[in-house]
């Protein structure tokens, strides 16, 4: 997943990583003591990110996406359309880790805003070198930085970030913030469906043999994140059956949890209506579901999953629904 980005793009991102200084009438002591930093693979709802970032509590470092020779930020306007065209036409789409300098600027900004420490939560180290970039930058921050490999992606990682932000806002110490994030990540389950294995093969997530067999036999795989890596769960012969099975796996996971204790987040890329239908079905299938929401899969993840991906994340119901209502 990691390729060198363009130097001018990195300079462009520097200005986007500044935490808001205390507003008039505020003091550094009135701010939460722990700042939280993450990366855009967390798939956090944009409105929630805006709210927390405006309060100076959260920084989301964007991950670069490379289409042809052009480098984009994961949050650039218009990237979704360009990504969709590139994936549909078979053009090369690559991704990269953020640079250590991006994290260093985020950490130093937190120090300058009066925070005592930073908890930095990131995409699984088995899927990206982002954790390594953050760890390299941690020693230059000027305040303690605790870097955590979430061991997951999407709103499973996002749930850990939200748990960390809630703990930090309550005045918790760094160790307690880390514990809250770790628990949320461990309690999250990820299931996903991809129409084709080709993008995963190009990104080095599956073997050439697996991709070839999938194309020849028209296998529609169901995948998951286990111990930080993409793993095959089941092989289904048609798209309709695969999506139905994805729904069943998610519903069974919700049913295995105490009533009202689970929420779901449905991610999609290029297939919002299909994702909405899946979310509506899950709401009907899971009477004990506390919340459900719909969000676009970050481009940095869609670059590897491809068009038509459907992801269901089941996590602890300790926050409001994520993204647009799924039903």
C-alpha atoms as a PDB file:
ATOM      1  CA  UNK A   1       0.000   0.000   0.000  1.00  0.00           C
ATOM      2  CA  UNK A   2       2.961   2.297   0.519  1.00  0.00           C
ATOM      3  CA  UNK A   3       4.494   4.270  -2.359  1.00  0.00           C
ATOM      4  CA  UNK A   4       6.383   7.583  -2.172  1.00  0.00           C
ATOM      5  CA  UNK A   5       4.104  10.613  -2.531  1.00  0.00           C
ATOM      6  CA  UNK A   6       4.844  13.876  -4.294  1.00  0.00           C
ATOM      7  CA  UNK A   7       6.810  16.461  -2.335  1.00  0.00           C
ATOM      8  CA  UNK A   8       4.534  19.323  -3.314  1.00  0.00           C
ATOM      9  CA  UNK A   9       1.486  17.338  -2.151  1.00  0.00           C
ATOM     10  CA  UNK A  10       3.102  16.845   1.256  1.00  0.00           C
ATOM     11  CA  UNK A  11       3.764  20.568   1.529  1.00  0.00           C
ATOM     12  CA  UNK A  12       0.138  21.229   0.595  1.00  0.00           C
ATOM     13  CA  UNK A  13      -1.030  18.981   3.439  1.00  0.00           C
ATOM     14  CA  UNK A  14       1.044  20.721   6.117  1.00  0.00           C
ATOM     15  CA  UNK A  15      -1.409  23.586   6.459  1.00  0.00           C
ATOM     16  CA  UNK A  16      -4.310  21.146   6.912  1.00  0.00           C
ATOM     17  CA  UNK A  17      -2.873  19.553  10.031  1.00  0.00           C
ATOM     18  CA  UNK A  18      -3.051  22.525  12.383  1.00  0.00           C
ATOM     19  CA  UNK A  19      -5.171  22.085  15.498  1.00  0.00           C
ATOM     20  CA  UNK A  20      -7.328  25.089  16.444  1.00  0.00           C
ATOM     21  CA  UNK A  21      -5.676  27.252  19.120  1.00  0.00           C
ATOM     22  CA  UNK A  22      -7.772  28.107  22.162  1.00  0.00           C
ATOM     23  CA  UNK A  23     -10.525  30.593  21.344  1.00  0.00           C
ATOM     24  CA  UNK A  24     -10.927  33.906  23.119  1.00  0.00           C
ATOM     25  CA  UNK A  25     -11.686  33.286  26.771  1.00  0.00           C
ATOM     26  CA  UNK A  26     -10.358  29.729  26.717  1.00  0.00           C
ATOM     27  CA  UNK A  27      -7.189  28.574  28.446  1.00  0.00           C
ATOM     28  CA  UNK A  28      -4.992  25.611  27.733  1.00  0.00           C
ATOM     29  CA  UNK A  29      -6.004  24.142  31.075  1.00  0.00           C
ATOM     30  CA  UNK A  30      -9.663  24.107  29.995  1.00  0.00           C
ATOM     31  CA  UNK A  31      -8.905  21.794  27.071  1.00  0.00           C
ATOM     32  CA  UNK A  32      -8.823  18.012  27.419  1.00  0.00           C
ATOM     33  CA  UNK A  33      -5.324  16.934  28.343  1.00  0.00           C
ATOM     34  CA  UNK A  34      -5.071  14.245  25.676  1.00  0.00           C
ATOM     35  CA  UNK A  35      -5.309  14.925  21.935  1.00  0.00           C
ATOM     36  CA  UNK A  36      -6.227  12.180  19.481  1.00  0.00           C
ATOM     37  CA  UNK A  37      -4.676  11.707  16.041  1.00  0.00           C
ATOM     38  CA  UNK A  38      -5.728   9.161  13.430  1.00  0.00           C
ATOM     39  CA  UNK A  39      -5.616   8.606   9.666  1.00  0.00           C
ATOM     40  CA  UNK A  40      -8.350   8.752   7.044  1.00  0.00           C
ATOM     41  CA  UNK A  41      -8.667   4.950   6.813  1.00  0.00           C
ATOM     42  CA  UNK A  42     -10.873   5.247   9.929  1.00  0.00           C
ATOM     43  CA  UNK A  43     -13.858   6.163   7.702  1.00  0.00           C
ATOM     44  CA  UNK A  44     -15.213   8.538  10.323  1.00  0.00           C
ATOM     45  CA  UNK A  45     -18.407  10.469   9.509  1.00  0.00           C
ATOM     46  CA  UNK A  46     -17.345  13.888   8.142  1.00  0.00           C
ATOM     47  CA  UNK A  47     -19.771  15.824  10.327  1.00  0.00           C
ATOM     48  CA  UNK A  48     -18.426  14.166  13.472  1.00  0.00           C
ATOM     49  CA  UNK A  49     -14.831  14.877  12.405  1.00  0.00           C
ATOM     50  CA  UNK A  50     -15.654  18.544  11.800  1.00  0.00           C
ATOM     51  CA  UNK A  51     -17.213  18.847  15.244  1.00  0.00           C
ATOM     52  CA  UNK A  52     -14.316  17.232  17.086  1.00  0.00           C
ATOM     53  CA  UNK A  53     -11.610  18.945  15.044  1.00  0.00           C
ATOM     54  CA  UNK A  54     -13.175  22.350  15.646  1.00  0.00           C
ATOM     55  CA  UNK A  55     -12.838  21.671  19.351  1.00  0.00           C
ATOM     56  CA  UNK A  56      -9.124  21.004  18.923  1.00  0.00           C
ATOM     57  CA  UNK A  57      -9.434  17.460  20.196  1.00  0.00           C
ATOM     58  CA  UNK A  58      -8.993  15.409  16.995  1.00  0.00           C
ATOM     59  CA  UNK A  59      -6.746  15.470  13.935  1.00  0.00           C
ATOM     60  CA  UNK A  60      -7.301  13.156  10.962  1.00  0.00           C
ATOM     61  CA  UNK A  61      -4.178  12.895   8.812  1.00  0.00           C
ATOM     62  CA  UNK A  62      -5.239  12.297   5.178  1.00  0.00           C
ATOM     63  CA  UNK A  63      -3.700   9.369   3.326  1.00  0.00           C
ATOM     64  CA  UNK A  64      -2.538   9.866  -0.274  1.00  0.00           C
ATOM     65  CA  UNK A  65      -4.078   8.162  -3.306  1.00  0.00           C
ATOM     66  CA  UNK A  66      -2.112   8.063  -6.566  1.00  0.00           C
ATOM     67  CA  UNK A  67      -3.973   7.835  -9.893  1.00  0.00           C
ATOM     68  CA  UNK A  68      -1.541   7.524 -12.744  1.00  0.00           C
ATOM     69  CA  UNK A  69       1.182   9.948 -11.712  1.00  0.00           C
ATOM     70  CA  UNK A  70      -1.082  12.396  -9.874  1.00  0.00           C
ATOM     71  CA  UNK A  71      -1.228  12.422  -6.076  1.00  0.00           C
ATOM     72  CA  UNK A  72      -4.454  13.251  -4.247  1.00  0.00           C
ATOM     73  CA  UNK A  73      -5.382  13.611  -0.610  1.00  0.00           C
ATOM     74  CA  UNK A  74      -7.970  11.138   0.641  1.00  0.00           C
ATOM     75  CA  UNK A  75     -10.238  14.085   1.434  1.00  0.00           C
ATOM     76  CA  UNK A  76      -9.828  16.047  -1.815  1.00  0.00           C
ATOM     77  CA  UNK A  77     -13.064  17.185  -3.459  1.00  0.00           C
ATOM     78  CA  UNK A  78     -13.735  15.238  -6.648  1.00  0.00           C
ATOM     79  CA  UNK A  79     -11.497  12.303  -5.774  1.00  0.00           C
ATOM     80  CA  UNK A  80     -14.420   9.892  -5.578  1.00  0.00           C
ATOM     81  CA  UNK A  81     -15.408  10.609  -9.197  1.00  0.00           C
ATOM     82  CA  UNK A  82     -11.821  10.321 -10.438  1.00  0.00           C
ATOM     83  CA  UNK A  83     -11.328   7.105  -8.487  1.00  0.00           C
ATOM     84  CA  UNK A  84     -14.520   5.628  -9.908  1.00  0.00           C
ATOM     85  CA  UNK A  85     -13.465   6.415 -13.463  1.00  0.00           C
ATOM     86  CA  UNK A  86      -9.964   5.061 -12.911  1.00  0.00           C
ATOM     87  CA  UNK A  87     -11.205   1.818 -11.348  1.00  0.00           C
ATOM     88  CA  UNK A  88     -13.856   1.319 -14.031  1.00  0.00           C
ATOM     89  CA  UNK A  89     -11.319   1.820 -16.828  1.00  0.00           C
ATOM     90  CA  UNK A  90      -8.595  -0.306 -15.248  1.00  0.00           C
ATOM     91  CA  UNK A  91      -6.166   2.582 -14.734  1.00  0.00           C
ATOM     92  CA  UNK A  92      -3.528   2.116 -12.063  1.00  0.00           C
ATOM     93  CA  UNK A  93      -4.569   3.324  -8.614  1.00  0.00           C
ATOM     94  CA  UNK A  94      -2.059   3.185  -5.780  1.00  0.00           C
ATOM     95  CA  UNK A  95      -1.910   4.408  -2.206  1.00  0.00           C
ATOM     96  CA  UNK A  96       0.792   5.572   0.170  1.00  0.00           C
ATOM     97  CA  UNK A  97       1.373   6.094   3.850  1.00  0.00           C
ATOM     98  CA  UNK A  98       1.417   9.652   5.198  1.00  0.00           C
ATOM     99  CA  UNK A  99       4.927  10.951   5.780  1.00  0.00           C
ATOM    100  CA  UNK A 100       6.448  11.119   9.278  1.00  0.00           C
ATOM    101  CA  UNK A 101       6.541  14.886   8.809  1.00  0.00           C
ATOM    102  CA  UNK A 102       2.748  15.050   8.557  1.00  0.00           C
ATOM    103  CA  UNK A 103       2.398  13.293  11.900  1.00  0.00           C
ATOM    104  CA  UNK A 104       5.160  15.358  13.456  1.00  0.00           C
ATOM    105  CA  UNK A 105       3.324  18.557  12.547  1.00  0.00           C
ATOM    106  CA  UNK A 106       0.074  17.201  13.995  1.00  0.00           C
ATOM    107  CA  UNK A 107       1.790  16.217  17.254  1.00  0.00           C
ATOM    108  CA  UNK A 108       3.612  19.519  17.566  1.00  0.00           C
ATOM    109  CA  UNK A 109       0.369  21.386  16.931  1.00  0.00           C
ATOM    110  CA  UNK A 110      -1.232  19.455  19.795  1.00  0.00           C
ATOM    111  CA  UNK A 111       1.665  20.453  22.056  1.00  0.00           C
ATOM    112  CA  UNK A 112       1.317  24.071  20.977  1.00  0.00           C
ATOM    113  CA  UNK A 113      -2.423  23.966  21.741  1.00  0.00           C
ATOM    114  CA  UNK A 114      -1.687  23.012  25.352  1.00  0.00           C
ATOM    115  CA  UNK A 115      -2.216  19.257  25.343  1.00  0.00           C
ATOM    116  CA  UNK A 116      -0.120  17.107  27.657  1.00  0.00           C
ATOM    117  CA  UNK A 117       0.039  14.032  25.397  1.00  0.00           C
ATOM    118  CA  UNK A 118      -1.271  12.492  22.187  1.00  0.00           C
ATOM    119  CA  UNK A 119      -2.880   9.126  21.529  1.00  0.00           C
ATOM    120  CA  UNK A 120      -2.367   8.248  17.855  1.00  0.00           C
ATOM    121  CA  UNK A 121      -4.553   5.417  16.448  1.00  0.00           C
ATOM    122  CA  UNK A 122      -3.953   3.924  13.029  1.00  0.00           C
ATOM    123  CA  UNK A 123      -4.901   1.447  10.323  1.00  0.00           C
ATOM    124  CA  UNK A 124      -3.609  -2.085  10.850  1.00  0.00           C
ATOM    125  CA  UNK A 125       0.159  -2.261  10.469  1.00  0.00           C
ATOM    126  CA  UNK A 126      -0.337  -5.428   8.391  1.00  0.00           C
ATOM    127  CA  UNK A 127      -2.150  -3.371   5.758  1.00  0.00           C
ATOM    128  CA  UNK A 128      -0.123  -0.150   5.699  1.00  0.00           C
ATOM    129  CA  UNK A 129       3.093   1.439   6.907  1.00  0.00           C
ATOM    130  CA  UNK A 130       1.140   4.316   8.456  1.00  0.00           C
ATOM    131  CA  UNK A 131       1.835   3.069  11.982  1.00  0.00           C
ATOM    132  CA  UNK A 132       5.585   3.154  11.231  1.00  0.00           C
ATOM    133  CA  UNK A 133       5.385   6.772  10.013  1.00  0.00           C
ATOM    134  CA  UNK A 134       3.525   7.782  13.155  1.00  0.00           C
ATOM    135  CA  UNK A 135       5.996   5.951  15.397  1.00  0.00           C
ATOM    136  CA  UNK A 136       8.945   7.660  13.693  1.00  0.00           C
ATOM    137  CA  UNK A 137       7.377  11.057  14.260  1.00  0.00           C
ATOM    138  CA  UNK A 138       6.460  10.413  17.900  1.00  0.00           C
ATOM    139  CA  UNK A 139       9.944  11.110  19.232  1.00  0.00           C
ATOM    140  CA  UNK A 140       9.990  14.630  17.776  1.00  0.00           C
ATOM    141  CA  UNK A 141       6.682  15.835  19.167  1.00  0.00           C
ATOM    142  CA  UNK A 142       7.819  17.616  22.317  1.00  0.00           C
ATOM    143  CA  UNK A 143       5.110  15.836  24.352  1.00  0.00           C
ATOM    144  CA  UNK A 144       4.502  12.098  24.919  1.00  0.00           C
ATOM    145  CA  UNK A 145       2.877  10.376  21.945  1.00  0.00           C
ATOM    146  CA  UNK A 146       1.361   6.910  22.356  1.00  0.00           C
ATOM    147  CA  UNK A 147       0.976   5.179  18.960  1.00  0.00           C
ATOM    148  CA  UNK A 148      -1.517   2.325  18.706  1.00  0.00           C
ATOM    149  CA  UNK A 149      -1.982  -0.166  15.871  1.00  0.00           C
ATOM    150  CA  UNK A 150      -5.771  -0.563  15.805  1.00  0.00           C
ATOM    151  CA  UNK A 151      -5.403  -3.902  14.021  1.00  0.00           C
ATOM    152  CA  UNK A 152      -8.327  -3.057  11.771  1.00  0.00           C
ATOM    153  CA  UNK A 153      -9.781  -0.575   9.237  1.00  0.00           C
ATOM    154  CA  UNK A 154     -12.894   1.435   8.420  1.00  0.00           C
ATOM    155  CA  UNK A 155     -15.381   2.188  11.177  1.00  0.00           C
ATOM    156  CA  UNK A 156     -13.867  -0.591  13.285  1.00  0.00           C
ATOM    157  CA  UNK A 157     -10.839   1.697  13.513  1.00  0.00           C
ATOM    158  CA  UNK A 158     -13.243   4.641  13.685  1.00  0.00           C
ATOM    159  CA  UNK A 159     -15.001   3.149  16.702  1.00  0.00           C
ATOM    160  CA  UNK A 160     -11.640   3.041  18.477  1.00  0.00           C
ATOM    161  CA  UNK A 161     -11.019   6.675  17.596  1.00  0.00           C
ATOM    162  CA  UNK A 162     -14.434   7.703  18.891  1.00  0.00           C
ATOM    163  CA  UNK A 163     -13.873   5.802  22.123  1.00  0.00           C
ATOM    164  CA  UNK A 164     -10.520   7.558  22.540  1.00  0.00           C
ATOM    165  CA  UNK A 165     -12.052  10.990  21.929  1.00  0.00           C
ATOM    166  CA  UNK A 166     -14.821  10.331  24.453  1.00  0.00           C
ATOM    167  CA  UNK A 167     -12.312   9.190  27.062  1.00  0.00           C
ATOM    168  CA  UNK A 168     -10.054  12.172  26.400  1.00  0.00           C
ATOM    169  CA  UNK A 169     -12.994  14.580  26.667  1.00  0.00           C
ATOM    170  CA  UNK A 170     -13.868  13.108  30.058  1.00  0.00           C
ATOM    171  CA  UNK A 171     -10.400  13.970  31.371  1.00  0.00           C
ATOM    172  CA  UNK A 172      -8.948  10.459  31.219  1.00  0.00           C
ATOM    173  CA  UNK A 173      -5.198   9.927  31.321  1.00  0.00           C
ATOM    174  CA  UNK A 174      -3.324   8.633  28.267  1.00  0.00           C
ATOM    175  CA  UNK A 175      -3.317   5.030  29.505  1.00  0.00           C
ATOM    176  CA  UNK A 176      -7.078   5.113  29.993  1.00  0.00           C
ATOM    177  CA  UNK A 177      -7.603   6.637  26.557  1.00  0.00           C
ATOM    178  CA  UNK A 178      -5.466   3.893  25.022  1.00  0.00           C
ATOM    179  CA  UNK A 179      -7.394   1.220  26.905  1.00  0.00           C
ATOM    180  CA  UNK A 180     -10.731   2.600  25.707  1.00  0.00           C
ATOM    181  CA  UNK A 181      -9.529   2.617  22.104  1.00  0.00           C
ATOM    182  CA  UNK A 182      -8.068  -0.876  22.307  1.00  0.00           C
ATOM    183  CA  UNK A 183     -11.261  -2.300  23.782  1.00  0.00           C
ATOM    184  CA  UNK A 184     -13.428  -0.682  21.090  1.00  0.00           C
ATOM    185  CA  UNK A 185     -11.203  -2.038  18.305  1.00  0.00           C
ATOM    186  CA  UNK A 186     -11.189  -5.536  19.798  1.00  0.00           C
ATOM    187  CA  UNK A 187     -14.993  -5.523  20.042  1.00  0.00           C
ATOM    188  CA  UNK A 188     -15.470  -4.555  16.394  1.00  0.00           C
ATOM    189  CA  UNK A 189     -16.036  -7.083  13.595  1.00  0.00           C
ATOM    190  CA  UNK A 190     -15.561  -6.424   9.873  1.00  0.00           C
ATOM    191  CA  UNK A 191     -17.200  -8.368   7.030  1.00  0.00           C
ATOM    192  CA  UNK A 192     -16.970  -7.319   3.401  1.00  0.00           C
ATOM    193  CA  UNK A 193     -17.823  -8.321  -0.149  1.00  0.00           C
ATOM    194  CA  UNK A 194     -15.998  -7.370  -3.348  1.00  0.00           C
ATOM    195  CA  UNK A 195     -17.343  -8.088  -6.853  1.00  0.00           C
ATOM    196  CA  UNK A 196     -13.793  -8.746  -8.096  1.00  0.00           C
ATOM    197  CA  UNK A 197     -10.522  -9.801  -6.498  1.00  0.00           C
ATOM    198  CA  UNK A 198      -8.419  -7.907  -9.048  1.00  0.00           C
ATOM    199  CA  UNK A 199      -7.834  -4.745  -7.014  1.00  0.00           C
ATOM    200  CA  UNK A 200      -6.877  -6.777  -3.957  1.00  0.00           C
ATOM    201  CA  UNK A 201      -4.412  -8.702  -6.109  1.00  0.00           C
ATOM    202  CA  UNK A 202      -2.908  -5.503  -7.528  1.00  0.00           C
ATOM    203  CA  UNK A 203      -2.454  -4.165  -4.028  1.00  0.00           C
ATOM    204  CA  UNK A 204      -0.735  -7.350  -2.882  1.00  0.00           C
ATOM    205  CA  UNK A 205      -3.555  -8.376  -0.537  1.00  0.00           C
ATOM    206  CA  UNK A 206      -4.213 -11.733  -2.246  1.00  0.00           C
ATOM    207  CA  UNK A 207      -2.203 -13.979  -4.559  1.00  0.00           C
ATOM    208  CA  UNK A 208      -2.304 -14.025  -8.367  1.00  0.00           C
ATOM    209  CA  UNK A 209      -3.585 -17.618  -8.237  1.00  0.00           C
ATOM    210  CA  UNK A 210      -6.508 -16.656  -6.007  1.00  0.00           C
ATOM    211  CA  UNK A 211      -7.397 -13.733  -8.268  1.00  0.00           C
ATOM    212  CA  UNK A 212      -7.241 -15.900 -11.400  1.00  0.00           C
ATOM    213  CA  UNK A 213      -9.418 -18.613  -9.875  1.00  0.00           C
ATOM    214  CA  UNK A 214     -11.912 -16.026  -8.728  1.00  0.00           C
ATOM    215  CA  UNK A 215     -12.216 -14.621 -12.245  1.00  0.00           C
ATOM    216  CA  UNK A 216     -12.428 -18.006 -14.004  1.00  0.00           C
ATOM    217  CA  UNK A 217     -14.895 -19.551 -11.570  1.00  0.00           C
ATOM    218  CA  UNK A 218     -16.818 -16.291 -11.026  1.00  0.00           C
ATOM    219  CA  UNK A 219     -16.352 -16.657  -7.265  1.00  0.00           C
ATOM    220  CA  UNK A 220     -17.691 -13.816  -5.137  1.00  0.00           C
ATOM    221  CA  UNK A 221     -15.640 -13.859  -1.944  1.00  0.00           C
ATOM    222  CA  UNK A 222     -16.705 -12.820   1.509  1.00  0.00           C
ATOM    223  CA  UNK A 223     -13.754 -11.448   3.435  1.00  0.00           C
ATOM    224  CA  UNK A 224     -12.978 -10.213   6.907  1.00  0.00           C
ATOM    225  CA  UNK A 225     -10.271  -8.584   9.004  1.00  0.00           C
ATOM    226  CA  UNK A 226      -8.702 -11.052  11.437  1.00  0.00           C
ATOM    227  CA  UNK A 227      -5.569 -10.261  13.453  1.00  0.00           C
ATOM    228  CA  UNK A 228      -5.075  -7.151  11.346  1.00  0.00           C
ATOM    229  CA  UNK A 229      -5.060  -8.893   7.960  1.00  0.00           C
ATOM    230  CA  UNK A 230      -7.568  -9.521   5.160  1.00  0.00           C
ATOM    231  CA  UNK A 231      -8.725 -13.141   5.324  1.00  0.00           C
ATOM    232  CA  UNK A 232     -11.196 -15.117   3.178  1.00  0.00           C
ATOM    233  CA  UNK A 233     -14.300 -16.254   5.045  1.00  0.00           C
ATOM    234  CA  UNK A 234     -16.496 -17.890   2.411  1.00  0.00           C
ATOM    235  CA  UNK A 235     -16.720 -18.323  -1.373  1.00  0.00           C
ATOM    236  CA  UNK A 236     -20.077 -17.794  -3.059  1.00  0.00           C
ATOM    237  CA  UNK A 237     -20.895 -18.286  -6.738  1.00  0.00           C
ATOM    238  CA  UNK A 238     -23.197 -15.297  -7.413  1.00  0.00           C
ATOM    239  CA  UNK A 239     -23.294 -11.668  -6.338  1.00  0.00           C
ATOM    240  CA  UNK A 240     -26.856 -11.952  -5.028  1.00  0.00           C
ATOM    241  CA  UNK A 241     -26.025 -14.908  -2.845  1.00  0.00           C
ATOM    242  CA  UNK A 242     -22.833 -13.248  -1.631  1.00  0.00           C
ATOM    243  CA  UNK A 243     -24.650 -10.104  -0.483  1.00  0.00           C
ATOM    244  CA  UNK A 244     -27.365 -12.179   1.168  1.00  0.00           C
ATOM    245  CA  UNK A 245     -24.685 -14.147   2.987  1.00  0.00           C
ATOM    246  CA  UNK A 246     -22.923 -10.927   4.033  1.00  0.00           C
ATOM    247  CA  UNK A 247     -26.194  -9.755   5.539  1.00  0.00           C
ATOM    248  CA  UNK A 248     -26.633 -13.072   7.370  1.00  0.00           C
ATOM    249  CA  UNK A 249     -23.116 -13.000   8.824  1.00  0.00           C
ATOM    250  CA  UNK A 250     -23.657  -9.463  10.099  1.00  0.00           C
ATOM    251  CA  UNK A 251     -27.099 -10.281  11.531  1.00  0.00           C
ATOM    252  CA  UNK A 252     -25.721 -13.323  13.326  1.00  0.00           C
ATOM    253  CA  UNK A 253     -22.959 -11.204  14.839  1.00  0.00           C
ATOM    254  CA  UNK A 254     -25.492  -8.663  16.110  1.00  0.00           C
ATOM    255  CA  UNK A 255     -27.692 -11.447  17.502  1.00  0.00           C
ATOM    256  CA  UNK A 256     -24.718 -12.874  19.416  1.00  0.00           C
ATOM    257  CA  UNK A 257     -24.407  -9.626  21.382  1.00  0.00           C
ATOM    258  CA  UNK A 258     -26.728  -8.425  24.169  1.00  0.00           C
ATOM    259  CA  UNK A 259     -29.823  -6.630  22.821  1.00  0.00           C
ATOM    260  CA  UNK A 260     -29.194  -2.946  22.215  1.00  0.00           C
ATOM    261  CA  UNK A 261     -25.427  -3.260  22.568  1.00  0.00           C
ATOM    262  CA  UNK A 262     -24.451  -3.268  18.875  1.00  0.00           C
ATOM    263  CA  UNK A 263     -24.378  -0.740  16.082  1.00  0.00           C
ATOM    264  CA  UNK A 264     -23.581  -1.295  12.422  1.00  0.00           C
ATOM    265  CA  UNK A 265     -21.835   0.872   9.859  1.00  0.00           C
ATOM    266  CA  UNK A 266     -22.245   0.031   6.170  1.00  0.00           C
ATOM    267  CA  UNK A 267     -19.484   1.275   3.844  1.00  0.00           C
ATOM    268  CA  UNK A 268     -19.750   1.430   0.059  1.00  0.00           C
ATOM    269  CA  UNK A 269     -17.967   2.829  -2.974  1.00  0.00           C
ATOM    270  CA  UNK A 270     -19.833   3.488  -6.208  1.00  0.00           C
ATOM    271  CA  UNK A 271     -22.960   1.635  -5.046  1.00  0.00           C
ATOM    272  CA  UNK A 272     -24.764   3.770  -2.484  1.00  0.00           C
ATOM    273  CA  UNK A 273     -28.247   2.464  -3.372  1.00  0.00           C
ATOM    274  CA  UNK A 274     -27.109  -1.129  -2.920  1.00  0.00           C
ATOM    275  CA  UNK A 275     -25.573  -0.202   0.443  1.00  0.00           C
ATOM    276  CA  UNK A 276     -28.756   1.565   1.533  1.00  0.00           C
ATOM    277  CA  UNK A 277     -30.791  -1.530   0.689  1.00  0.00           C
ATOM    278  CA  UNK A 278     -28.387  -3.666   2.714  1.00  0.00           C
ATOM    279  CA  UNK A 279     -28.673  -1.300   5.665  1.00  0.00           C
ATOM    280  CA  UNK A 280     -32.477  -1.384   5.500  1.00  0.00           C
ATOM    281  CA  UNK A 281     -32.443  -5.179   5.440  1.00  0.00           C
ATOM    282  CA  UNK A 282     -30.128  -5.320   8.419  1.00  0.00           C
ATOM    283  CA  UNK A 283     -32.380  -2.986  10.385  1.00  0.00           C
ATOM    284  CA  UNK A 284     -35.282  -5.322   9.678  1.00  0.00           C
ATOM    285  CA  UNK A 285     -33.254  -8.457  10.492  1.00  0.00           C
ATOM    286  CA  UNK A 286     -31.787  -7.146  13.741  1.00  0.00           C
ATOM    287  CA  UNK A 287     -34.480  -6.004  16.192  1.00  0.00           C
ATOM    288  CA  UNK A 288     -31.841  -5.640  18.904  1.00  0.00           C
ATOM    289  CA  UNK A 289     -29.731  -3.247  16.850  1.00  0.00           C
ATOM    290  CA  UNK A 290     -29.052   0.047  18.616  1.00  0.00           C
ATOM    291  CA  UNK A 291     -27.953   2.115  15.609  1.00  0.00           C
ATOM    292  CA  UNK A 292     -27.124   1.848  11.916  1.00  0.00           C
ATOM    293  CA  UNK A 293     -25.446   4.245   9.504  1.00  0.00           C
ATOM    294  CA  UNK A 294     -24.095   4.546   5.986  1.00  0.00           C
ATOM    295  CA  UNK A 295     -20.763   6.059   4.918  1.00  0.00           C
ATOM    296  CA  UNK A 296     -18.640   6.002   1.778  1.00  0.00           C
ATOM    297  CA  UNK A 297     -15.540   3.853   2.068  1.00  0.00           C
ATOM    298  CA  UNK A 298     -12.439   6.085   2.145  1.00  0.00           C
ATOM    299  CA  UNK A 299     -10.712   6.275  -1.222  1.00  0.00           C
ATOM    300  CA  UNK A 300      -7.509   4.883   0.272  1.00  0.00           C
ATOM    301  CA  UNK A 301      -9.399   1.646   1.068  1.00  0.00           C
ATOM    302  CA  UNK A 302     -11.563   1.636  -2.077  1.00  0.00           C
ATOM    303  CA  UNK A 303      -8.359   1.746  -4.112  1.00  0.00           C
ATOM    304  CA  UNK A 304      -7.739  -1.830  -2.944  1.00  0.00           C
ATOM    305  CA  UNK A 305     -11.305  -3.119  -2.650  1.00  0.00           C
ATOM    306  CA  UNK A 306     -12.583  -1.745  -5.968  1.00  0.00           C
ATOM    307  CA  UNK A 307     -15.963  -0.534  -7.176  1.00  0.00           C
ATOM    308  CA  UNK A 308     -19.053  -2.142  -5.715  1.00  0.00           C
ATOM    309  CA  UNK A 309     -17.493  -3.063  -2.371  1.00  0.00           C
ATOM    310  CA  UNK A 310     -19.848  -3.530   0.568  1.00  0.00           C
ATOM    311  CA  UNK A 311     -18.498  -3.480   4.118  1.00  0.00           C
ATOM    312  CA  UNK A 312     -20.421  -4.099   7.337  1.00  0.00           C
ATOM    313  CA  UNK A 313     -18.790  -3.166  10.636  1.00  0.00           C
ATOM    314  CA  UNK A 314     -20.393  -4.273  13.890  1.00  0.00           C
ATOM    315  CA  UNK A 315     -19.161  -2.407  16.955  1.00  0.00           C
ATOM    316  CA  UNK A 316     -20.222  -1.420  20.458  1.00  0.00           C
ATOM    317  CA  UNK A 317     -23.249   0.881  20.633  1.00  0.00           C
ATOM    318  CA  UNK A 318     -21.688   3.660  22.649  1.00  0.00           C
ATOM    319  CA  UNK A 319     -22.155   6.501  20.166  1.00  0.00           C
ATOM    320  CA  UNK A 320     -24.856   7.855  17.834  1.00  0.00           C
ATOM    321  CA  UNK A 321     -25.411   6.330  14.353  1.00  0.00           C
ATOM    322  CA  UNK A 322     -22.492   6.761  11.967  1.00  0.00           C
ATOM    323  CA  UNK A 323     -23.038   8.745   8.781  1.00  0.00           C
ATOM    324  CA  UNK A 324     -26.378   8.889   6.978  1.00  0.00           C
ATOM    325  CA  UNK A 325     -29.163   6.722   8.397  1.00  0.00           C
ATOM    326  CA  UNK A 326     -29.065   3.243   6.898  1.00  0.00           C
ATOM    327  CA  UNK A 327     -32.834   2.928   7.110  1.00  0.00           C
END
